[in-house]
Amino acid sequence: MTDLLCGFGGLAVCSSAVGLLDPLGPSAQLALAVGIGAVAVGLLLREGALVRTQTLMVVVITSVVEVMATRWLGLWDYRLGNLPVYLPALHAVIFLAVVAVTRALPARRLTVGCALAGVGLWAAWDLLLGERGDTVDVLWFVVLLGLCRHAETAARVPATVALTVPHDLVATGSGMVSYRPHDVTGLLSISAQPSAIVGGYAFIYCLASLTAPLLLGLRQRPAS
């Protein structure tokens, strides 16, 4: 129960604060960075060295993705036209919330299967019946299925769905972020529906899971 409260509660507080303060400008974004950073630290204190290292990797990877997606690929835009300074802390909170909620959920294939089925049905609906016919959504769903071969990533899928999909719907609904209708080639349509969101986060979390032990090993290697 504590994990559920920390996971859902922590992210809900941060998402609500972003919705209220982000429109007020860069100064408010700086205040959000401090506040969301405090939430991230509070969640980090509950975790061990491995999850803390994974969180560091998530922050690094998402920061690179944010720059590439907004400045080079033009996949989405933020309300004020800048990269909000609170984004690294927010991505840390999202990941730590996923970790906490995953611990609280039953570790069953049925839970993972239900989450994948829901995301897959939404992707199929958006491709066949959606206004844009989102092809990126389907591609990310295929990636998500492949990522589920990694046990830790698969176990985190239900929590990733439960947390990131509502968060992104609030972010787009409030105008914090808006997605371009097409990728840079103009060949792929984009509407950032759940399989794209969940697939993207799962890909980043899988990379963090794979690289964190290597980084920990380097830190713990005795000096020769």
Protein backbone atom coordinates (compact mmCIF):
# COMPACT_ATOMS: atom_id res chain seq x y z
CA MET A 1 0.00 0.00 0.00
CA THR A 2 2.85 2.39 0.78
CA ASP A 3 4.38 1.78 -2.63
CA LEU A 4 1.06 2.49 -4.35
CA LEU A 5 0.60 5.72 -2.42
CA CYS A 6 4.16 6.87 -3.08
CA GLY A 7 3.99 5.97 -6.77
CA PHE A 8 0.58 7.30 -7.73
CA GLY A 9 0.63 10.12 -5.15
CA GLY A 10 4.08 11.38 -6.05
CA LEU A 11 3.38 11.53 -9.76
CA ALA A 12 -0.10 12.97 -9.26
CA VAL A 13 1.30 15.84 -7.19
CA CYS A 14 3.98 16.58 -9.78
CA SER A 15 1.59 16.38 -12.75
CA SER A 16 -0.91 18.66 -11.02
CA ALA A 17 1.80 21.17 -10.17
CA VAL A 18 3.02 21.22 -13.77
CA GLY A 19 -0.51 21.83 -15.02
CA LEU A 20 -0.96 24.76 -12.68
CA LEU A 21 2.45 26.44 -12.80
CA ASP A 22 3.98 25.65 -16.20
CA PRO A 23 1.87 28.28 -18.05
CA LEU A 24 3.26 31.01 -15.78
CA GLY A 25 6.67 31.11 -17.47
CA PRO A 26 10.35 30.25 -16.91
CA SER A 27 10.41 31.34 -13.26
CA ALA A 28 7.55 29.00 -12.46
CA GLN A 29 9.33 26.23 -14.36
CA LEU A 30 12.40 26.76 -12.17
CA ALA A 31 10.21 26.50 -9.06
CA LEU A 32 8.75 23.30 -10.47
CA ALA A 33 12.25 21.91 -10.97
CA VAL A 34 13.00 22.46 -7.27
CA GLY A 35 9.70 21.01 -6.08
CA ILE A 36 9.70 17.99 -8.40
CA GLY A 37 13.36 17.42 -7.59
CA ALA A 38 12.44 17.22 -3.89
CA VAL A 39 9.80 14.58 -4.68
CA ALA A 40 12.37 12.64 -6.71
CA VAL A 41 14.85 12.71 -3.83
CA GLY A 42 12.16 11.50 -1.44
CA LEU A 43 11.38 8.56 -3.71
CA LEU A 44 15.08 7.83 -4.27
CA LEU A 45 15.69 7.50 -0.53
CA ARG A 46 13.39 4.48 -0.54
CA GLU A 47 15.48 2.66 -3.14
CA GLY A 48 18.76 0.78 -3.24
CA ALA A 49 21.89 1.41 -5.26
CA LEU A 50 20.67 -0.43 -8.37
CA VAL A 51 17.44 1.55 -8.76
CA ARG A 52 19.25 4.79 -7.99
CA THR A 53 21.72 4.03 -10.78
CA GLN A 54 18.87 3.11 -13.11
CA THR A 55 17.25 6.45 -12.28
CA LEU A 56 20.45 8.28 -13.20
CA MET A 57 20.53 6.47 -16.54
CA VAL A 58 16.84 7.27 -17.16
CA VAL A 59 17.53 10.97 -16.56
CA VAL A 60 20.51 10.93 -18.94
CA ILE A 61 18.70 9.01 -21.69
CA THR A 62 15.45 11.01 -21.49
CA SER A 63 17.41 14.27 -21.56
CA VAL A 64 19.09 13.19 -24.80
CA VAL A 65 15.73 12.05 -26.23
CA GLU A 66 14.05 15.35 -25.33
CA VAL A 67 16.74 17.37 -27.12
CA MET A 68 16.69 15.13 -30.19
CA ALA A 69 12.89 14.97 -30.42
CA THR A 70 12.27 18.69 -30.02
CA ARG A 71 15.34 20.32 -31.57
CA TRP A 72 16.35 17.90 -34.34
CA LEU A 73 13.43 15.61 -35.20
CA GLY A 74 10.55 17.99 -34.48
CA LEU A 75 8.31 15.28 -32.98
CA TRP A 76 6.76 17.40 -30.23
CA ASP A 77 6.78 20.93 -28.81
CA TYR A 78 6.43 22.38 -25.33
CA ARG A 79 4.07 25.20 -24.49
CA LEU A 80 6.66 27.97 -24.11
CA GLY A 81 8.85 26.76 -26.97
CA ASN A 82 11.68 25.83 -24.60
CA LEU A 83 12.79 22.64 -22.91
CA PRO A 84 11.34 22.99 -19.39
CA VAL A 85 14.08 22.84 -16.79
CA TYR A 86 12.00 20.49 -14.63
CA LEU A 87 11.93 17.69 -17.22
CA PRO A 88 14.89 15.66 -15.84
CA ALA A 89 13.38 15.63 -12.35
CA LEU A 90 9.94 14.79 -13.74
CA HIS A 91 11.29 11.84 -15.70
CA ALA A 92 13.02 10.63 -12.53
CA VAL A 93 9.72 10.81 -10.62
CA ILE A 94 7.86 8.94 -13.37
CA PHE A 95 10.43 6.14 -13.35
CA LEU A 96 10.56 5.88 -9.56
CA ALA A 97 6.76 5.83 -9.45
CA VAL A 98 6.76 2.95 -11.95
CA VAL A 99 9.29 1.07 -9.80
CA ALA A 100 7.23 1.60 -6.63
CA VAL A 101 3.90 0.60 -8.19
CA THR A 102 5.49 -2.46 -9.83
CA ARG A 103 6.47 -3.72 -6.37
CA ALA A 104 2.86 -3.37 -5.20
CA LEU A 105 1.26 -5.13 -8.19
CA PRO A 106 0.93 -8.91 -8.38
CA ALA A 107 3.79 -10.34 -10.44
CA ARG A 108 1.65 -12.39 -12.83
CA ARG A 109 1.68 -12.94 -16.55
CA LEU A 110 -2.04 -12.15 -16.58
CA THR A 111 -1.37 -8.61 -15.36
CA VAL A 112 1.24 -8.03 -18.06
CA GLY A 113 -1.00 -9.65 -20.68
CA CYS A 114 -3.97 -7.45 -19.80
CA ALA A 115 -1.81 -4.32 -19.99
CA LEU A 116 -0.41 -5.33 -23.39
CA ALA A 117 -3.87 -6.24 -24.68
CA GLY A 118 -5.25 -2.85 -23.72
CA VAL A 119 -2.38 -0.98 -25.34
CA GLY A 120 -2.54 -3.17 -28.46
CA LEU A 121 -6.28 -2.67 -28.90
CA TRP A 122 -5.86 1.09 -28.60
CA ALA A 123 -3.07 1.01 -31.18
CA ALA A 124 -5.20 -1.01 -33.61
CA TRP A 125 -8.18 1.29 -33.08
CA ASP A 126 -6.08 4.39 -33.71
CA LEU A 127 -4.51 2.91 -36.85
CA LEU A 128 -7.74 1.71 -38.41
CA LEU A 129 -10.36 4.14 -37.09
CA GLY A 130 -8.45 7.15 -35.75
CA GLU A 131 -8.44 10.53 -37.48
CA ARG A 132 -4.71 10.36 -38.28
CA GLY A 133 -4.30 6.60 -38.72
CA ASP A 134 -1.34 6.57 -36.34
CA THR A 135 1.40 4.30 -37.74
CA VAL A 136 4.03 5.22 -35.14
CA ASP A 137 1.70 3.90 -32.43
CA VAL A 138 1.66 0.43 -34.02
CA LEU A 139 5.43 0.40 -34.54
CA TRP A 140 6.02 1.20 -30.88
CA PHE A 141 3.60 -1.55 -29.87
CA VAL A 142 5.71 -4.05 -31.82
CA VAL A 143 8.80 -2.70 -30.05
CA LEU A 144 6.99 -3.05 -26.71
CA LEU A 145 6.22 -6.71 -27.40
CA GLY A 146 9.89 -7.32 -28.17
CA LEU A 147 11.02 -5.54 -25.01
CA CYS A 148 8.86 -7.87 -22.92
CA ARG A 149 11.44 -10.58 -23.54
CA HIS A 150 13.43 -8.70 -20.88
CA ALA A 151 11.93 -9.87 -17.59
CA GLU A 152 12.36 -6.66 -15.59
CA THR A 153 10.94 -4.53 -18.40
CA ALA A 154 7.96 -6.87 -18.80
CA ALA A 155 7.22 -6.73 -15.07
CA ARG A 156 7.13 -2.93 -15.23
CA VAL A 157 4.72 -2.74 -18.19
CA PRO A 158 1.46 -2.68 -16.14
CA ALA A 159 2.73 0.13 -13.91
CA THR A 160 4.11 2.00 -16.92
CA VAL A 161 0.69 1.84 -18.57
CA ALA A 162 -1.14 2.87 -15.39
CA LEU A 163 1.13 5.87 -14.76
CA THR A 164 2.45 7.22 -18.05
CA VAL A 165 -0.76 7.08 -20.11
CA PRO A 166 -2.83 9.26 -17.71
CA HIS A 167 0.14 11.57 -17.22
CA ASP A 168 0.57 12.07 -20.96
CA LEU A 169 -3.16 12.59 -21.51
CA VAL A 170 -3.10 15.31 -18.86
CA ALA A 171 0.04 16.86 -20.36
CA THR A 172 -1.43 17.02 -23.86
CA GLY A 173 -4.87 18.02 -22.64
CA SER A 174 -3.49 20.92 -20.61
CA GLY A 175 -1.33 22.13 -23.51
CA MET A 176 1.98 21.44 -21.76
CA VAL A 177 3.11 19.43 -24.80
CA SER A 178 1.76 19.02 -28.32
CA TYR A 179 2.72 16.37 -30.87
CA ARG A 180 3.41 17.03 -34.53
CA PRO A 181 1.08 15.24 -36.97
CA HIS A 182 3.98 13.57 -38.84
CA ASP A 183 7.60 12.59 -38.37
CA VAL A 184 10.35 14.51 -40.17
CA THR A 185 10.02 12.34 -43.29
CA GLY A 186 6.29 12.96 -43.54
CA LEU A 187 5.75 9.22 -44.00
CA LEU A 188 4.68 8.28 -40.48
CA SER A 189 1.65 9.78 -38.76
CA ILE A 190 1.85 10.55 -35.05
CA SER A 191 -0.77 11.06 -32.39
CA ALA A 192 1.21 9.74 -29.38
CA GLN A 193 -1.37 7.25 -28.23
CA PRO A 194 -0.66 4.77 -25.38
CA SER A 195 1.46 2.22 -27.24
CA ALA A 196 3.80 4.94 -28.45
CA ILE A 197 4.02 6.42 -24.95
CA VAL A 198 4.40 3.09 -23.14
CA GLY A 199 6.73 1.67 -25.80
CA GLY A 200 8.99 4.71 -25.59
CA TYR A 201 9.18 4.64 -21.82
CA ALA A 202 9.70 0.86 -21.78
CA PHE A 203 12.56 1.20 -24.26
CA ILE A 204 14.27 3.81 -22.07
CA TYR A 205 13.70 1.79 -18.89
CA CYS A 206 15.09 -1.34 -20.57
CA LEU A 207 18.23 0.55 -21.59
CA ALA A 208 18.59 1.83 -18.03
CA SER A 209 18.18 -1.69 -16.64
CA LEU A 210 20.85 -3.04 -18.96
CA THR A 211 23.40 -0.27 -18.42
CA ALA A 212 22.98 0.37 -14.69
CA PRO A 213 24.70 -2.88 -13.56
CA LEU A 214 27.65 -2.08 -15.81
CA LEU A 215 27.96 1.37 -14.28
CA LEU A 216 27.69 -0.06 -10.78
CA GLY A 217 30.38 -2.59 -11.64
CA LEU A 218 32.73 0.17 -12.74
CA ARG A 219 32.13 2.09 -9.53
CA GLN A 220 32.70 -0.95 -7.34
CA ARG A 221 35.82 -2.19 -9.18
CA PRO A 222 38.80 -1.88 -6.84
CA ALA A 223 41.58 0.44 -7.95
CA SER A 224 44.64 -1.41 -9.21
